[in-house]
């Protein structure tokens, strides 16, 4: 046990003292926050203005259609497709006479999705208002006020969790489930490959021969896996602290007007889903209340469990592959494909799980150890035991621990042979023989 602890300590300290680790740990949250800030700033400040000349054959738009931040409508005389650019317009809009079909837009450049969506929305809104006014003699100001009331409807969702009635938020659960599943996905790939490269480099440099003279191959493998896993946990905790600090600083520094403009910029997107998502939060002041609806004790506890055992499950397999690789990097790529494929399939199933967390595919995948670290973490934010019954959660954890013990036993048998074998190119057939031979 003391030897394993020494190996864990060595693997951990060598990596956390590395300049690359320090820089990536500090810079990653800063780059992430900077990217979000830049995108928000550009979306607020940089709005392309489209000046559109309208030839209104229907008489339904002139004096009735309203301008937006991105679109300005004018109804000049003597403007056509040959001179609209010289007149200072970026586009020319022809409206059909007495028909809702046949609108034609000519422009010097292709419109973006936001501008095109706004143009269609404003035309539809204007035509709808005119038809309602002519047929029912409705006052347009009153109509707009009633439309705003109808558009501000929000659903107060509650669900039964055991004997408690809790407040639900599907968008929050969607975001947490996606974020947790994606973080575990990235972890399995990055740190699994790190284990494989570390084992391969020690074998290639013949360092493994020296170490194995003092410790058993199994002790070396376990120590390396746990040490690198501890590095990953350390990095995650630092990222969480930095991100929380940056969010707190942003809340204190940014004005409410800026935050409101950022929210309005997301509503520029065509379609109702983005607007619904923006309006559902009730503004930036409601973020804390919204986040408080999640069961963070359960989510964080399960995340740490699935992060740890998911990593241990796959890291042992990556270590086994690394022990068989010699100098050729292509050998490692071909051998690790059967290990990385289940991880990639899991992220695909996770997308289905966050949209249908009680579905058959999501349920079964969250029980299988190859997929459960990613898929189950996508389901848990939707509620336990409501969406995820206790028996499914417990069975998933038991199967994952059992899977970890099996892959560790299997990989240890491959590792102890492969780490000392040089010159021979090993494949999965040879690895299978090493794993199940009786000795």
Foldseek 3Di string as FASTA:
>chain_A
DVLLVVLLVVLQVVVCPDPVLVCCLVVVLVVVVVVVVVVLVCLLPPAAAFEEEEDEQAPQPVPQFDADPRYHYDHDPPDDPVCCVVVPGQKYWYDDHPDPDDIDIDGPDDDDQLVVLVVVVRVVVSVVLVVCCVPVVDDSVVVVVVVVVVVLDDDFDWDDAPPDIATDDLVVLLVQLLVLLVVLLVLLVPLLLVLLVVLLVCLQVVVVVVSCVPPPLLSNLSSNLNSSLVSVVVSVVSSVVVNVVVVVVCVVPDDQVSQVSSLVSQVSRHDCPSVCVSSNCVGPVSPVVVVVRWPVVVLVVLSVLLSVLLSLLLSLVSNLLSLQDYDDPVLSVVQCVVSSVLSVVLSVVLVVCSVPVQDPSLLVQCQALSRVSNSVSSNPRRGPPPSPDPVSVVNSSVNSVVSSVVSSLQSSQSNSVSSNDPDDRDHPVVSVCSRPPDD
